[in-house]
Amino acid sequence: MWKLRQSKERGKLVLTLCGRIESELIVELRRIFESKSRDHEVVVDLKEVKLLDRDAVTFLASCEGDGIRLENCPPYIREWIRREKDSLAPNGPND
């Protein structure tokens, strides 16, 4: 089960993800994020995320690469995102 709440803070659109974020949600989240980021600076708040899978982490890493800011990212998720980015980067661990 997951939820998405939106609010505005200082001219930015804050999308708060709640619950479990898994691969089957990625297409829907991508659509939402892309539609919202056309008109606003988007911030994704992760403070209420309880569980996520690797596809969700890869998606969040790509969101950051596209200029979406992640807020209240738990340390274990931040580290996982960093590792995903490192593994995809040229000259990364898999090269």
PDB file of N, CA and C in Angstrom:
ATOM      1  N   MET A   1       0.837  -1.171   0.000  1.00  0.00           N
ATOM      2  CA  MET A   1       0.000   0.000   0.000  1.00  0.00           C
ATOM      3  C   MET A   1       0.889   1.244   0.000  1.00  0.00           C
ATOM      4  N   TRP A   2       0.510   2.214  -0.796  1.00  0.00           N
ATOM      5  CA  TRP A   2       1.280   3.454  -0.884  1.00  0.00           C
ATOM      6  C   TRP A   2       0.334   4.626  -1.054  1.00  0.00           C
ATOM      7  N   LYS A   3       0.839   5.795  -0.768  1.00  0.00           N
ATOM      8  CA  LYS A   3       0.095   7.042  -0.951  1.00  0.00           C
ATOM      9  C   LYS A   3       1.056   8.110  -1.439  1.00  0.00           C
ATOM     10  N   LEU A   4       0.471   9.103  -2.073  1.00  0.00           N
ATOM     11  CA  LEU A   4       1.234  10.273  -2.504  1.00  0.00           C
ATOM     12  C   LEU A   4       0.450  11.500  -2.074  1.00  0.00           C
ATOM     13  N   ARG A   5       1.085  12.350  -1.272  1.00  0.00           N
ATOM     14  CA  ARG A   5       0.480  13.617  -0.862  1.00  0.00           C
ATOM     15  C   ARG A   5       1.254  14.745  -1.513  1.00  0.00           C
ATOM     16  N   GLN A   6       0.551  15.815  -1.866  1.00  0.00           N
ATOM     17  CA  GLN A   6       1.245  16.971  -2.421  1.00  0.00           C
ATOM     18  C   GLN A   6       0.923  18.218  -1.622  1.00  0.00           C
ATOM     19  N   SER A   7       1.918  19.073  -1.539  1.00  0.00           N
ATOM     20  CA  SER A   7       1.767  20.366  -0.875  1.00  0.00           C
ATOM     21  C   SER A   7       2.725  21.343  -1.549  1.00  0.00           C
ATOM     22  N   LYS A   8       2.525  22.609  -1.268  1.00  0.00           N
ATOM     23  CA  LYS A   8       3.441  23.622  -1.794  1.00  0.00           C
ATOM     24  C   LYS A   8       4.166  24.263  -0.631  1.00  0.00           C
ATOM     25  N   GLU A   9       5.473  24.409  -0.812  1.00  0.00           N
ATOM     26  CA  GLU A   9       6.321  25.055   0.188  1.00  0.00           C
ATOM     27  C   GLU A   9       7.276  25.988  -0.532  1.00  0.00           C
ATOM     28  N   ARG A  10       7.212  27.259  -0.219  1.00  0.00           N
ATOM     29  CA  ARG A  10       8.119  28.256  -0.782  1.00  0.00           C
ATOM     30  C   ARG A  10       8.250  28.133  -2.288  1.00  0.00           C
ATOM     31  N   GLY A  11       7.110  27.999  -2.969  1.00  0.00           N
ATOM     32  CA  GLY A  11       7.111  27.962  -4.422  1.00  0.00           C
ATOM     33  C   GLY A  11       7.489  26.626  -5.039  1.00  0.00           C
ATOM     34  N   LYS A  12       7.712  25.620  -4.217  1.00  0.00           N
ATOM     35  CA  LYS A  12       8.069  24.295  -4.720  1.00  0.00           C
ATOM     36  C   LYS A  12       6.919  23.337  -4.456  1.00  0.00           C
ATOM     37  N   LEU A  13       6.770  22.376  -5.329  1.00  0.00           N
ATOM     38  CA  LEU A  13       5.778  21.337  -5.149  1.00  0.00           C
ATOM     39  C   LEU A  13       6.445  20.177  -4.426  1.00  0.00           C
ATOM     40  N   VAL A  14       5.934  19.839  -3.247  1.00  0.00           N
ATOM     41  CA  VAL A  14       6.483  18.747  -2.453  1.00  0.00           C
ATOM     42  C   VAL A  14       5.561  17.538  -2.600  1.00  0.00           C
ATOM     43  N   LEU A  15       6.122  16.452  -3.099  1.00  0.00           N
ATOM     44  CA  LEU A  15       5.391  15.197  -3.235  1.00  0.00           C
ATOM     45  C   LEU A  15       5.914  14.259  -2.156  1.00  0.00           C
ATOM     46  N   THR A  16       5.067  13.918  -1.202  1.00  0.00           N
ATOM     47  CA  THR A  16       5.458  13.043  -0.104  1.00  0.00           C
ATOM     48  C   THR A  16       5.004  11.629  -0.411  1.00  0.00           C
ATOM     49  N   LEU A  17       5.972  10.727  -0.544  1.00  0.00           N
ATOM     50  CA  LEU A  17       5.675   9.317  -0.766  1.00  0.00           C
ATOM     51  C   LEU A  17       5.519   8.633   0.582  1.00  0.00           C
ATOM     52  N   CYS A  18       4.518   7.770   0.670  1.00  0.00           N
ATOM     53  CA  CYS A  18       4.244   7.060   1.916  1.00  0.00           C
ATOM     54  C   CYS A  18       4.063   5.571   1.630  1.00  0.00           C
ATOM     55  N   GLY A  19       4.572   4.740   2.521  1.00  0.00           N
ATOM     56  CA  GLY A  19       4.328   3.309   2.423  1.00  0.00           C
ATOM     57  C   GLY A  19       5.386   2.556   1.641  1.00  0.00           C
ATOM     58  N   ARG A  20       4.915   1.553   0.880  1.00  0.00           N
ATOM     59  CA  ARG A  20       5.797   0.670   0.107  1.00  0.00           C
ATOM     60  C   ARG A  20       5.892   1.159  -1.333  1.00  0.00           C
ATOM     61  N   ILE A  21       7.108   1.358  -1.798  1.00  0.00           N
ATOM     62  CA  ILE A  21       7.333   1.810  -3.172  1.00  0.00           C
ATOM     63  C   ILE A  21       8.035   0.654  -3.898  1.00  0.00           C
ATOM     64  N   GLU A  22       7.297   0.046  -4.820  1.00  0.00           N
ATOM     65  CA  GLU A  22       7.819  -1.124  -5.515  1.00  0.00           C
ATOM     66  C   GLU A  22       7.730  -0.939  -7.022  1.00  0.00           C
ATOM     67  N   SER A  23       8.384  -1.849  -7.738  1.00  0.00           N
ATOM     68  CA  SER A  23       8.559  -1.702  -9.184  1.00  0.00           C
ATOM     69  C   SER A  23       7.268  -1.473  -9.953  1.00  0.00           C
ATOM     70  N   GLU A  24       6.165  -2.077  -9.547  1.00  0.00           N
ATOM     71  CA  GLU A  24       4.927  -1.890 -10.300  1.00  0.00           C
ATOM     72  C   GLU A  24       4.382  -0.464 -10.235  1.00  0.00           C
ATOM     73  N   LEU A  25       4.902   0.352  -9.342  1.00  0.00           N
ATOM     74  CA  LEU A  25       4.461   1.750  -9.231  1.00  0.00           C
ATOM     75  C   LEU A  25       5.292   2.715 -10.076  1.00  0.00           C
ATOM     76  N   ILE A  26       6.434   2.257 -10.555  1.00  0.00           N
ATOM     77  CA  ILE A  26       7.389   3.143 -11.222  1.00  0.00           C
ATOM     78  C   ILE A  26       6.762   3.876 -12.406  1.00  0.00           C
ATOM     79  N   VAL A  27       6.033   3.190 -13.252  1.00  0.00           N
ATOM     80  CA  VAL A  27       5.436   3.825 -14.429  1.00  0.00           C
ATOM     81  C   VAL A  27       4.487   4.942 -13.996  1.00  0.00           C
ATOM     82  N   GLU A  28       3.663   4.671 -12.997  1.00  0.00           N
ATOM     83  CA  GLU A  28       2.729   5.688 -12.520  1.00  0.00           C
ATOM     84  C   GLU A  28       3.450   6.861 -11.869  1.00  0.00           C
ATOM     85  N   LEU A  29       4.445   6.570 -11.038  1.00  0.00           N
ATOM     86  CA  LEU A  29       5.206   7.651 -10.403  1.00  0.00           C
ATOM     87  C   LEU A  29       5.944   8.492 -11.434  1.00  0.00           C
ATOM     88  N   ARG A  30       6.522   7.844 -12.436  1.00  0.00           N
ATOM     89  CA  ARG A  30       7.232   8.586 -13.487  1.00  0.00           C
ATOM     90  C   ARG A  30       6.271   9.550 -14.187  1.00  0.00           C
ATOM     91  N   ARG A  31       5.083   9.066 -14.515  1.00  0.00           N
ATOM     92  CA  ARG A  31       4.079   9.900 -15.179  1.00  0.00           C
ATOM     93  C   ARG A  31       3.709  11.096 -14.295  1.00  0.00           C
ATOM     94  N   ILE A  32       3.473  10.835 -13.022  1.00  0.00           N
ATOM     95  CA  ILE A  32       3.109  11.908 -12.087  1.00  0.00           C
ATOM     96  C   ILE A  32       4.243  12.917 -11.974  1.00  0.00           C
ATOM     97  N   PHE A  33       5.456  12.436 -11.732  1.00  0.00           N
ATOM     98  CA  PHE A  33       6.598  13.328 -11.542  1.00  0.00           C
ATOM     99  C   PHE A  33       6.845  14.175 -12.787  1.00  0.00           C
ATOM    100  N   GLU A  34       6.778  13.555 -13.962  1.00  0.00           N
ATOM    101  CA  GLU A  34       7.015  14.300 -15.199  1.00  0.00           C
ATOM    102  C   GLU A  34       5.950  15.363 -15.418  1.00  0.00           C
ATOM    103  N   SER A  35       4.695  15.043 -15.159  1.00  0.00           N
ATOM    104  CA  SER A  35       3.628  16.023 -15.365  1.00  0.00           C
ATOM    105  C   SER A  35       3.744  17.180 -14.376  1.00  0.00           C
ATOM    106  N   LYS A  36       4.133  16.896 -13.146  1.00  0.00           N
ATOM    107  CA  LYS A  36       4.256  17.944 -12.126  1.00  0.00           C
ATOM    108  C   LYS A  36       5.490  18.806 -12.353  1.00  0.00           C
ATOM    109  N   SER A  37       6.583  18.198 -12.836  1.00  0.00           N
ATOM    110  CA  SER A  37       7.829  18.951 -12.969  1.00  0.00           C
ATOM    111  C   SER A  37       7.820  19.890 -14.170  1.00  0.00           C
ATOM    112  N   ARG A  38       6.816  19.773 -15.029  1.00  0.00           N
ATOM    113  CA  ARG A  38       6.720  20.716 -16.152  1.00  0.00           C
ATOM    114  C   ARG A  38       6.454  22.133 -15.666  1.00  0.00           C
ATOM    115  N   ASP A  39       5.669  22.252 -14.607  1.00  0.00           N
ATOM    116  CA  ASP A  39       5.231  23.567 -14.137  1.00  0.00           C
ATOM    117  C   ASP A  39       5.820  23.996 -12.797  1.00  0.00           C
ATOM    118  N   HIS A  40       6.502  23.087 -12.108  1.00  0.00           N
ATOM    119  CA  HIS A  40       6.997  23.384 -10.765  1.00  0.00           C
ATOM    120  C   HIS A  40       8.372  22.757 -10.543  1.00  0.00           C
ATOM    121  N   GLU A  41       9.084  23.333  -9.604  1.00  0.00           N
ATOM    122  CA  GLU A  41      10.261  22.641  -9.084  1.00  0.00           C
ATOM    123  C   GLU A  41       9.726  21.581  -8.132  1.00  0.00           C
ATOM    124  N   VAL A  42      10.115  20.334  -8.344  1.00  0.00           N
ATOM    125  CA  VAL A  42       9.564  19.229  -7.568  1.00  0.00           C
ATOM    126  C   VAL A  42      10.567  18.742  -6.538  1.00  0.00           C
ATOM    127  N   VAL A  43      10.057  18.519  -5.328  1.00  0.00           N
ATOM    128  CA  VAL A  43      10.812  17.921  -4.240  1.00  0.00           C
ATOM    129  C   VAL A  43      10.058  16.662  -3.837  1.00  0.00           C
ATOM    130  N   VAL A  44      10.765  15.547  -3.707  1.00  0.00           N
ATOM    131  CA  VAL A  44      10.145  14.305  -3.265  1.00  0.00           C
ATOM    132  C   VAL A  44      10.587  14.054  -1.824  1.00  0.00           C
ATOM    133  N   ASP A  45       9.616  13.992  -0.927  1.00  0.00           N
ATOM    134  CA  ASP A  45       9.872  13.768   0.495  1.00  0.00           C
ATOM    135  C   ASP A  45       9.709  12.273   0.777  1.00  0.00           C
ATOM    136  N   LEU A  46      10.743  11.663   1.309  1.00  0.00           N
ATOM    137  CA  LEU A  46      10.754  10.219   1.531  1.00  0.00           C
ATOM    138  C   LEU A  46      10.615   9.836   2.997  1.00  0.00           C
ATOM    139  N   LYS A  47      10.261  10.793   3.859  1.00  0.00           N
ATOM    140  CA  LYS A  47      10.265  10.496   5.294  1.00  0.00           C
ATOM    141  C   LYS A  47       9.269   9.415   5.691  1.00  0.00           C
ATOM    142  N   GLU A  48       8.226   9.180   4.892  1.00  0.00           N
ATOM    143  CA  GLU A  48       7.225   8.184   5.261  1.00  0.00           C
ATOM    144  C   GLU A  48       7.297   6.906   4.420  1.00  0.00           C
ATOM    145  N   VAL A  49       8.399   6.731   3.681  1.00  0.00           N
ATOM    146  CA  VAL A  49       8.596   5.495   2.919  1.00  0.00           C
ATOM    147  C   VAL A  49       9.016   4.404   3.898  1.00  0.00           C
ATOM    148  N   LYS A  50       8.307   3.297   3.847  1.00  0.00           N
ATOM    149  CA  LYS A  50       8.589   2.190   4.768  1.00  0.00           C
ATOM    150  C   LYS A  50       9.429   1.093   4.132  1.00  0.00           C
ATOM    151  N   LEU A  51       9.245   0.885   2.835  1.00  0.00           N
ATOM    152  CA  LEU A  51       9.935  -0.193   2.155  1.00  0.00           C
ATOM    153  C   LEU A  51      10.019   0.150   0.678  1.00  0.00           C
ATOM    154  N   LEU A  52      11.114  -0.223   0.031  1.00  0.00           N
ATOM    155  CA  LEU A  52      11.221  -0.041  -1.404  1.00  0.00           C
ATOM    156  C   LEU A  52      12.107  -1.135  -1.965  1.00  0.00           C
ATOM    157  N   ASP A  53      11.982  -1.358  -3.281  1.00  0.00           N
ATOM    158  CA  ASP A  53      12.798  -2.381  -3.915  1.00  0.00           C
ATOM    159  C   ASP A  53      13.859  -1.725  -4.795  1.00  0.00           C
ATOM    160  N   ARG A  54      14.687  -2.549  -5.415  1.00  0.00           N
ATOM    161  CA  ARG A  54      15.811  -2.025  -6.201  1.00  0.00           C
ATOM    162  C   ARG A  54      15.335  -1.151  -7.365  1.00  0.00           C
ATOM    163  N   ASP A  55      14.252  -1.556  -8.026  1.00  0.00           N
ATOM    164  CA  ASP A  55      13.738  -0.747  -9.131  1.00  0.00           C
ATOM    165  C   ASP A  55      13.330   0.645  -8.649  1.00  0.00           C
ATOM    166  N   ALA A  56      12.743   0.706  -7.465  1.00  0.00           N
ATOM    167  CA  ALA A  56      12.349   2.002  -6.905  1.00  0.00           C
ATOM    168  C   ALA A  56      13.575   2.857  -6.600  1.00  0.00           C
ATOM    169  N   VAL A  57      14.621   2.235  -6.086  1.00  0.00           N
ATOM    170  CA  VAL A  57      15.864   2.968  -5.794  1.00  0.00           C
ATOM    171  C   VAL A  57      16.486   3.485  -7.082  1.00  0.00           C
ATOM    172  N   THR A  58      16.512   2.656  -8.114  1.00  0.00           N
ATOM    173  CA  THR A  58      17.053   3.079  -9.409  1.00  0.00           C
ATOM    174  C   THR A  58      16.233   4.239  -9.968  1.00  0.00           C
ATOM    175  N   PHE A  59      14.920   4.161  -9.824  1.00  0.00           N
ATOM    176  CA  PHE A  59      14.040   5.245 -10.261  1.00  0.00           C
ATOM    177  C   PHE A  59      14.346   6.539  -9.507  1.00  0.00           C
ATOM    178  N   LEU A  60      14.477   6.454  -8.191  1.00  0.00           N
ATOM    179  CA  LEU A  60      14.775   7.653  -7.399  1.00  0.00           C
ATOM    180  C   LEU A  60      16.130   8.245  -7.788  1.00  0.00           C
ATOM    181  N   ALA A  61      17.107   7.397  -8.068  1.00  0.00           N
ATOM    182  CA  ALA A  61      18.414   7.885  -8.521  1.00  0.00           C
ATOM    183  C   ALA A  61      18.264   8.632  -9.840  1.00  0.00           C
ATOM    184  N   SER A  62      17.443   8.108 -10.752  1.00  0.00           N
ATOM    185  CA  SER A  62      17.244   8.794 -12.041  1.00  0.00           C
ATOM    186  C   SER A  62      16.486  10.101 -11.849  1.00  0.00           C
ATOM    187  N   CYS A  63      15.566  10.130 -10.883  1.00  0.00           N
ATOM    188  CA  CYS A  63      14.856  11.382 -10.591  1.00  0.00           C
ATOM    189  C   CYS A  63      15.841  12.464 -10.161  1.00  0.00           C
ATOM    190  N   GLU A  64      16.768  12.096  -9.285  1.00  0.00           N
ATOM    191  CA  GLU A  64      17.789  13.057  -8.857  1.00  0.00           C
ATOM    192  C   GLU A  64      18.606  13.535 -10.038  1.00  0.00           C
ATOM    193  N   GLY A  65      18.944  12.621 -10.911  1.00  0.00           N
ATOM    194  CA  GLY A  65      19.702  12.986 -12.104  1.00  0.00           C
ATOM    195  C   GLY A  65      18.943  13.938 -13.010  1.00  0.00           C
ATOM    196  N   ASP A  66      17.609  13.885 -12.933  1.00  0.00           N
ATOM    197  CA  ASP A  66      16.754  14.770 -13.731  1.00  0.00           C
ATOM    198  C   ASP A  66      16.426  16.079 -13.015  1.00  0.00           C
ATOM    199  N   GLY A  67      17.029  16.304 -11.855  1.00  0.00           N
ATOM    200  CA  GLY A  67      16.845  17.573 -11.157  1.00  0.00           C
ATOM    201  C   GLY A  67      15.773  17.580 -10.088  1.00  0.00           C
ATOM    202  N   ILE A  68      15.180  16.434  -9.804  1.00  0.00           N
ATOM    203  CA  ILE A  68      14.204  16.356  -8.718  1.00  0.00           C
ATOM    204  C   ILE A  68      14.966  16.143  -7.423  1.00  0.00           C
ATOM    205  N   ARG A  69      14.684  16.975  -6.430  1.00  0.00           N
ATOM    206  CA  ARG A  69      15.402  16.890  -5.157  1.00  0.00           C
ATOM    207  C   ARG A  69      14.710  15.888  -4.236  1.00  0.00           C
ATOM    208  N   LEU A  70      15.491  15.049  -3.576  1.00  0.00           N
ATOM    209  CA  LEU A  70      14.970  14.111  -2.590  1.00  0.00           C
ATOM    210  C   LEU A  70      15.216  14.684  -1.208  1.00  0.00           C
ATOM    211  N   GLU A  71      14.175  14.712  -0.392  1.00  0.00           N
ATOM    212  CA  GLU A  71      14.265  15.241   0.971  1.00  0.00           C
ATOM    213  C   GLU A  71      13.946  14.152   1.974  1.00  0.00           C
ATOM    214  N   ASN A  72      14.489  14.312   3.176  1.00  0.00           N
ATOM    215  CA  ASN A  72      14.225  13.383   4.270  1.00  0.00           C
ATOM    216  C   ASN A  72      14.452  11.941   3.846  1.00  0.00           C
ATOM    217  N   CYS A  73      15.532  11.754   3.135  1.00  0.00           N
ATOM    218  CA  CYS A  73      15.890  10.438   2.619  1.00  0.00           C
ATOM    219  C   CYS A  73      16.607   9.672   3.730  1.00  0.00           C
ATOM    220  N   PRO A  74      16.027   8.542   4.179  1.00  0.00           N
ATOM    221  CA  PRO A  74      16.705   7.766   5.220  1.00  0.00           C
ATOM    222  C   PRO A  74      18.113   7.372   4.772  1.00  0.00           C
ATOM    223  N   PRO A  75      19.040   7.302   5.718  1.00  0.00           N
ATOM    224  CA  PRO A  75      20.435   7.007   5.363  1.00  0.00           C
ATOM    225  C   PRO A  75      20.615   5.731   4.544  1.00  0.00           C
ATOM    226  N   TYR A  76      19.863   4.683   4.860  1.00  0.00           N
ATOM    227  CA  TYR A  76      20.048   3.445   4.104  1.00  0.00           C
ATOM    228  C   TYR A  76      19.596   3.601   2.661  1.00  0.00           C
ATOM    229  N   ILE A  77      18.568   4.408   2.418  1.00  0.00           N
ATOM    230  CA  ILE A  77      18.120   4.662   1.043  1.00  0.00           C
ATOM    231  C   ILE A  77      19.143   5.543   0.325  1.00  0.00           C
ATOM    232  N   ARG A  78      19.651   6.557   0.998  1.00  0.00           N
ATOM    233  CA  ARG A  78      20.664   7.441   0.405  1.00  0.00           C
ATOM    234  C   ARG A  78      21.883   6.630  -0.020  1.00  0.00           C
ATOM    235  N   GLU A  79      22.345   5.730   0.849  1.00  0.00           N
ATOM    236  CA  GLU A  79      23.503   4.897   0.526  1.00  0.00           C
ATOM    237  C   GLU A  79      23.193   3.976  -0.647  1.00  0.00           C
ATOM    238  N   TRP A  80      22.023   3.412  -0.679  1.00  0.00           N
ATOM    239  CA  TRP A  80      21.614   2.525  -1.771  1.00  0.00           C
ATOM    240  C   TRP A  80      21.576   3.290  -3.099  1.00  0.00           C
ATOM    241  N   ILE A  81      21.038   4.504  -3.064  1.00  0.00           N
ATOM    242  CA  ILE A  81      21.013   5.351  -4.262  1.00  0.00           C
ATOM    243  C   ILE A  81      22.438   5.638  -4.729  1.00  0.00           C
ATOM    244  N   ARG A  82      23.307   5.972  -3.783  1.00  0.00           N
ATOM    245  CA  ARG A  82      24.703   6.255  -4.134  1.00  0.00           C
ATOM    246  C   ARG A  82      25.339   5.047  -4.817  1.00  0.00           C
ATOM    247  N   ARG A  83      25.098   3.867  -4.281  1.00  0.00           N
ATOM    248  CA  ARG A  83      25.673   2.650  -4.863  1.00  0.00           C
ATOM    249  C   ARG A  83      25.106   2.374  -6.255  1.00  0.00           C
ATOM    250  N   GLU A  84      23.818   2.610  -6.433  1.00  0.00           N
ATOM    251  CA  GLU A  84      23.213   2.423  -7.756  1.00  0.00           C
ATOM    252  C   GLU A  84      23.829   3.384  -8.767  1.00  0.00           C
ATOM    253  N   LYS A  85      23.974   4.653  -8.369  1.00  0.00           N
ATOM    254  CA  LYS A  85      24.595   5.634  -9.270  1.00  0.00           C
ATOM    255  C   LYS A  85      26.018   5.229  -9.610  1.00  0.00           C
ATOM    256  N   ASP A  86      26.776   4.790  -8.601  1.00  0.00           N
ATOM    257  CA  ASP A  86      28.160   4.366  -8.833  1.00  0.00           C
ATOM    258  C   ASP A  86      28.226   3.184  -9.783  1.00  0.00           C
ATOM    259  N   SER A  87      27.288   2.246  -9.658  1.00  0.00           N
ATOM    260  CA  SER A  87      27.338   1.064 -10.510  1.00  0.00           C
ATOM    261  C   SER A  87      26.963   1.379 -11.955  1.00  0.00           C
ATOM    262  N   LEU A  88      26.217   2.460 -12.159  1.00  0.00           N
ATOM    263  CA  LEU A  88      25.812   2.839 -13.506  1.00  0.00           C
ATOM    264  C   LEU A  88      26.749   3.834 -14.174  1.00  0.00           C
ATOM    265  N   ALA A  89      27.606   4.454 -13.378  1.00  0.00           N
ATOM    266  CA  ALA A  89      28.501   5.484 -13.894  1.00  0.00           C
ATOM    267  C   ALA A  89      29.631   4.860 -14.709  1.00  0.00           C
ATOM    268  N   PRO A  90      30.081   5.594 -15.752  1.00  0.00           N
ATOM    269  CA  PRO A  90      31.274   5.136 -16.471  1.00  0.00           C
ATOM    270  C   PRO A  90      32.428   5.025 -15.481  1.00  0.00           C
ATOM    271  N   ASN A  91      33.240   4.040 -15.663  1.00  0.00           N
ATOM    272  CA  ASN A  91      34.360   3.767 -14.747  1.00  0.00           C
ATOM    273  C   ASN A  91      33.887   3.365 -13.360  1.00  0.00           C
ATOM    274  N   GLY A  92      32.611   2.967 -13.251  1.00  0.00           N
ATOM    275  CA  GLY A  92      32.067   2.507 -11.982  1.00  0.00           C
ATOM    276  C   GLY A  92      32.539   1.103 -11.667  1.00  0.00           C
ATOM    277  N   PRO A  93      32.071   0.534 -10.582  1.00  0.00           N
ATOM    278  CA  PRO A  93      32.518  -0.784 -10.138  1.00  0.00           C
ATOM    279  C   PRO A  93      32.302  -1.889 -11.165  1.00  0.00           C
ATOM    280  N   ASN A  94      31.317  -1.754 -12.071  1.00  0.00           N
ATOM    281  CA  ASN A  94      31.051  -2.810 -13.031  1.00  0.00           C
ATOM    282  C   ASN A  94      31.848  -2.703 -14.306  1.00  0.00           C
ATOM    283  N   ASP A  95      32.669  -1.666 -14.460  1.00  0.00           N
ATOM    284  CA  ASP A  95      33.477  -1.499 -15.678  1.00  0.00           C
ATOM    285  C   ASP A  95      34.795  -2.216 -15.529  1.00  0.00           C
TER     286      ASP A  95
END
